[in-house]
Amino acid sequence: MYKSRLHELCQHKKWPIPEYKATKLGLDHNPRFSASVTINRVTFDTVELFMSSKEAQNDAARLAFTDLQVTPYVPLGPPVPPPPPSSTMSQVMAAYAPWGPHVPPPYAPPPPLGSAIYPPPSPYAHVP
């Protein structure tokens, strides 16, 4: 019931279709299921355990459907890829903030140890 209603809501709002994940818990002769539904990187998890994965997925859809109807939801958009390992901090900040005219602050390496900002350690300090 709620799975189809949630699917219709997502189509109406032009959001990606819901992705369901069911998890089996317990023994084979008495299984219990929990489920989660993800819509555009927002996940809704069931609180209770159910006798079937279908019931668990329907409950996750119910939670998502009721929450998305009450709360205004702004779709997030595609995830930002991680920066390459050899990036400088200013390149990393520019990669994560491409949506505005923001200029990343200049990056300066930290001062060396023993400078005025980082005085040398006291000879009485305990260093493990």
C-alpha atoms as a PDB file:
ATOM      1  CA  MET A   1       0.000   0.000   0.000  1.00  0.00           C
ATOM      2  CA  TYR A   2       2.506   2.609   1.108  1.00  0.00           C
ATOM      3  CA  LYS A   3       5.163   1.439  -1.344  1.00  0.00           C
ATOM      4  CA  SER A   4       2.975   2.355  -4.312  1.00  0.00           C
ATOM      5  CA  ARG A   5       1.881   5.631  -2.704  1.00  0.00           C
ATOM      6  CA  LEU A   6       5.510   6.558  -2.027  1.00  0.00           C
ATOM      7  CA  HIS A   7       6.461   5.634  -5.597  1.00  0.00           C
ATOM      8  CA  GLU A   8       3.661   7.857  -6.931  1.00  0.00           C
ATOM      9  CA  LEU A   9       4.752  10.723  -4.669  1.00  0.00           C
ATOM     10  CA  CYS A  10       8.322  10.444  -5.952  1.00  0.00           C
ATOM     11  CA  GLN A  11       7.140  10.432  -9.558  1.00  0.00           C
ATOM     12  CA  HIS A  12       4.889  13.436  -8.922  1.00  0.00           C
ATOM     13  CA  LYS A  13       7.744  15.411  -7.312  1.00  0.00           C
ATOM     14  CA  LYS A  14      10.242  14.209  -9.973  1.00  0.00           C
ATOM     15  CA  TRP A  15      12.460  12.591  -7.349  1.00  0.00           C
ATOM     16  CA  PRO A  16      14.419   9.378  -7.935  1.00  0.00           C
ATOM     17  CA  ILE A  17      12.520   6.171  -7.303  1.00  0.00           C
ATOM     18  CA  PRO A  18      12.811   4.724  -3.775  1.00  0.00           C
ATOM     19  CA  GLU A  19      15.454   2.077  -3.127  1.00  0.00           C
ATOM     20  CA  TYR A  20      14.547  -0.603  -0.572  1.00  0.00           C
ATOM     21  CA  LYS A  21      16.840  -2.771   1.508  1.00  0.00           C
ATOM     22  CA  ALA A  22      15.555  -5.585   3.741  1.00  0.00           C
ATOM     23  CA  THR A  23      17.628  -7.277   6.417  1.00  0.00           C
ATOM     24  CA  LYS A  24      16.848 -10.734   7.787  1.00  0.00           C
ATOM     25  CA  LEU A  25      17.404 -11.226  11.512  1.00  0.00           C
ATOM     26  CA  GLY A  26      16.908 -14.255  13.700  1.00  0.00           C
ATOM     27  CA  LEU A  27      16.927 -17.974  13.044  1.00  0.00           C
ATOM     28  CA  ASP A  28      15.755 -19.645   9.845  1.00  0.00           C
ATOM     29  CA  HIS A  29      12.714 -21.207  11.525  1.00  0.00           C
ATOM     30  CA  ASN A  30      11.620 -17.845  12.995  1.00  0.00           C
ATOM     31  CA  PRO A  31      12.975 -15.008  10.863  1.00  0.00           C
ATOM     32  CA  ARG A  32      12.348 -11.330  11.515  1.00  0.00           C
ATOM     33  CA  PHE A  33      12.911  -8.537   9.043  1.00  0.00           C
ATOM     34  CA  SER A  34      13.802  -4.877   9.190  1.00  0.00           C
ATOM     35  CA  ALA A  35      13.959  -2.608   6.183  1.00  0.00           C
ATOM     36  CA  SER A  36      15.037   0.808   4.996  1.00  0.00           C
ATOM     37  CA  VAL A  37      14.066   2.960   2.056  1.00  0.00           C
ATOM     38  CA  THR A  38      16.364   5.565   0.528  1.00  0.00           C
ATOM     39  CA  ILE A  39      15.126   8.492  -1.517  1.00  0.00           C
ATOM     40  CA  ASN A  40      17.811  10.779  -2.916  1.00  0.00           C
ATOM     41  CA  ARG A  41      20.322   9.894  -0.182  1.00  0.00           C
ATOM     42  CA  VAL A  42      17.755  10.281   2.639  1.00  0.00           C
ATOM     43  CA  THR A  43      17.178   6.969   4.452  1.00  0.00           C
ATOM     44  CA  PHE A  44      14.156   5.931   6.508  1.00  0.00           C
ATOM     45  CA  ASP A  45      14.575   2.820   8.716  1.00  0.00           C
ATOM     46  CA  THR A  46      11.899   0.664  10.327  1.00  0.00           C
ATOM     47  CA  VAL A  47      11.784   0.685  14.096  1.00  0.00           C
ATOM     48  CA  GLU A  48      10.030  -2.658  14.599  1.00  0.00           C
ATOM     49  CA  LEU A  49      10.779  -6.148  13.324  1.00  0.00           C
ATOM     50  CA  PHE A  50       8.315  -7.874  10.981  1.00  0.00           C
ATOM     51  CA  MET A  51       7.443 -11.426   9.964  1.00  0.00           C
ATOM     52  CA  SER A  52       8.134 -10.764   6.253  1.00  0.00           C
ATOM     53  CA  SER A  53      10.370  -8.488   4.245  1.00  0.00           C
ATOM     54  CA  LYS A  54       7.301  -7.204   2.392  1.00  0.00           C
ATOM     55  CA  GLU A  55       5.769  -5.960   5.658  1.00  0.00           C
ATOM     56  CA  ALA A  56       9.082  -4.382   6.701  1.00  0.00           C
ATOM     57  CA  GLN A  57       9.482  -2.577   3.369  1.00  0.00           C
ATOM     58  CA  ASN A  58       5.885  -1.353   3.530  1.00  0.00           C
ATOM     59  CA  ASP A  59       6.500   0.044   7.016  1.00  0.00           C
ATOM     60  CA  ALA A  60       9.664   1.833   5.842  1.00  0.00           C
ATOM     61  CA  ALA A  61       7.634   3.267   2.958  1.00  0.00           C
ATOM     62  CA  ARG A  62       4.957   4.395   5.433  1.00  0.00           C
ATOM     63  CA  LEU A  63       7.544   6.237   7.517  1.00  0.00           C
ATOM     64  CA  ALA A  64       9.014   7.925   4.442  1.00  0.00           C
ATOM     65  CA  PHE A  65       5.619   8.771   2.946  1.00  0.00           C
ATOM     66  CA  THR A  66       4.259  10.374   6.122  1.00  0.00           C
ATOM     67  CA  ASP A  67       7.484  12.287   6.752  1.00  0.00           C
ATOM     68  CA  LEU A  68       7.813  13.575   3.188  1.00  0.00           C
ATOM     69  CA  GLN A  69       4.205  14.746   3.124  1.00  0.00           C
ATOM     70  CA  VAL A  70       4.593  16.727   6.358  1.00  0.00           C
ATOM     71  CA  THR A  71       8.093  18.136   5.869  1.00  0.00           C
ATOM     72  CA  PRO A  72       9.052  20.231   2.882  1.00  0.00           C
ATOM     73  CA  TYR A  73      11.734  18.266   1.092  1.00  0.00           C
ATOM     74  CA  VAL A  74      14.339  19.747  -1.194  1.00  0.00           C
ATOM     75  CA  PRO A  75      16.076  17.158  -3.366  1.00  0.00           C
ATOM     76  CA  LEU A  76      19.799  17.164  -2.853  1.00  0.00           C
ATOM     77  CA  GLY A  77      21.225  16.492  -6.269  1.00  0.00           C
ATOM     78  CA  PRO A  78      24.144  14.300  -7.298  1.00  0.00           C
ATOM     79  CA  PRO A  79      26.765  13.461  -4.683  1.00  0.00           C
ATOM     80  CA  VAL A  80      30.053  15.350  -4.827  1.00  0.00           C
ATOM     81  CA  PRO A  81      32.895  13.003  -5.810  1.00  0.00           C
ATOM     82  CA  PRO A  82      35.838  12.782  -3.427  1.00  0.00           C
ATOM     83  CA  PRO A  83      38.835  14.926  -4.371  1.00  0.00           C
ATOM     84  CA  PRO A  84      41.961  13.309  -5.777  1.00  0.00           C
ATOM     85  CA  PRO A  85      44.548  12.380  -3.134  1.00  0.00           C
ATOM     86  CA  SER A  86      47.103  14.879  -4.399  1.00  0.00           C
ATOM     87  CA  SER A  87      44.796  17.912  -4.045  1.00  0.00           C
ATOM     88  CA  THR A  88      45.713  20.968  -2.059  1.00  0.00           C
ATOM     89  CA  MET A  89      43.260  22.296   0.507  1.00  0.00           C
ATOM     90  CA  SER A  90      42.138  25.156  -1.737  1.00  0.00           C
ATOM     91  CA  GLN A  91      41.391  22.679  -4.542  1.00  0.00           C
ATOM     92  CA  VAL A  92      39.405  20.508  -2.132  1.00  0.00           C
ATOM     93  CA  MET A  93      37.370  23.478  -0.928  1.00  0.00           C
ATOM     94  CA  ALA A  94      36.723  24.620  -4.491  1.00  0.00           C
ATOM     95  CA  ALA A  95      35.483  21.123  -5.404  1.00  0.00           C
ATOM     96  CA  TYR A  96      32.999  21.083  -2.514  1.00  0.00           C
ATOM     97  CA  ALA A  97      31.650  24.611  -3.084  1.00  0.00           C
ATOM     98  CA  PRO A  98      31.040  24.994  -6.833  1.00  0.00           C
ATOM     99  CA  TRP A  99      27.499  26.338  -6.416  1.00  0.00           C
ATOM    100  CA  GLY A 100      28.198  29.966  -5.623  1.00  0.00           C
ATOM    101  CA  PRO A 101      30.531  32.867  -6.232  1.00  0.00           C
ATOM    102  CA  HIS A 102      32.377  31.988  -3.040  1.00  0.00           C
ATOM    103  CA  VAL A 103      36.120  32.242  -3.182  1.00  0.00           C
ATOM    104  CA  PRO A 104      37.865  29.695  -1.002  1.00  0.00           C
ATOM    105  CA  PRO A 105      40.022  31.255   1.691  1.00  0.00           C
ATOM    106  CA  PRO A 106      43.757  31.087   1.116  1.00  0.00           C
ATOM    107  CA  TYR A 107      45.480  28.115   2.624  1.00  0.00           C
ATOM    108  CA  ALA A 108      48.693  28.535   4.549  1.00  0.00           C
ATOM    109  CA  PRO A 109      50.609  25.626   6.074  1.00  0.00           C
ATOM    110  CA  PRO A 110      50.735  25.546   9.875  1.00  0.00           C
ATOM    111  CA  PRO A 111      53.658  27.285  11.567  1.00  0.00           C
ATOM    112  CA  PRO A 112      56.599  25.070  12.527  1.00  0.00           C
ATOM    113  CA  LEU A 113      56.891  23.701  16.032  1.00  0.00           C
ATOM    114  CA  GLY A 114      58.933  25.898  18.303  1.00  0.00           C
ATOM    115  CA  SER A 115      57.657  29.164  16.806  1.00  0.00           C
ATOM    116  CA  ALA A 116      55.865  31.830  18.853  1.00  0.00           C
ATOM    117  CA  ILE A 117      52.502  30.149  18.281  1.00  0.00           C
ATOM    118  CA  TYR A 118      53.791  26.713  19.266  1.00  0.00           C
ATOM    119  CA  PRO A 119      56.431  27.193  21.975  1.00  0.00           C
ATOM    120  CA  PRO A 120      58.785  24.300  22.697  1.00  0.00           C
ATOM    121  CA  PRO A 121      57.453  21.831  25.253  1.00  0.00           C
ATOM    122  CA  SER A 122      58.366  22.280  28.883  1.00  0.00           C
ATOM    123  CA  PRO A 123      61.109  19.956  30.127  1.00  0.00           C
ATOM    124  CA  TYR A 124      58.763  19.062  32.996  1.00  0.00           C
ATOM    125  CA  ALA A 125      55.926  17.952  30.713  1.00  0.00           C
ATOM    126  CA  HIS A 126      55.196  14.262  30.503  1.00  0.00           C
ATOM    127  CA  VAL A 127      55.214  13.000  26.931  1.00  0.00           C
ATOM    128  CA  PRO A 128      53.883   9.454  26.578  1.00  0.00           C
END
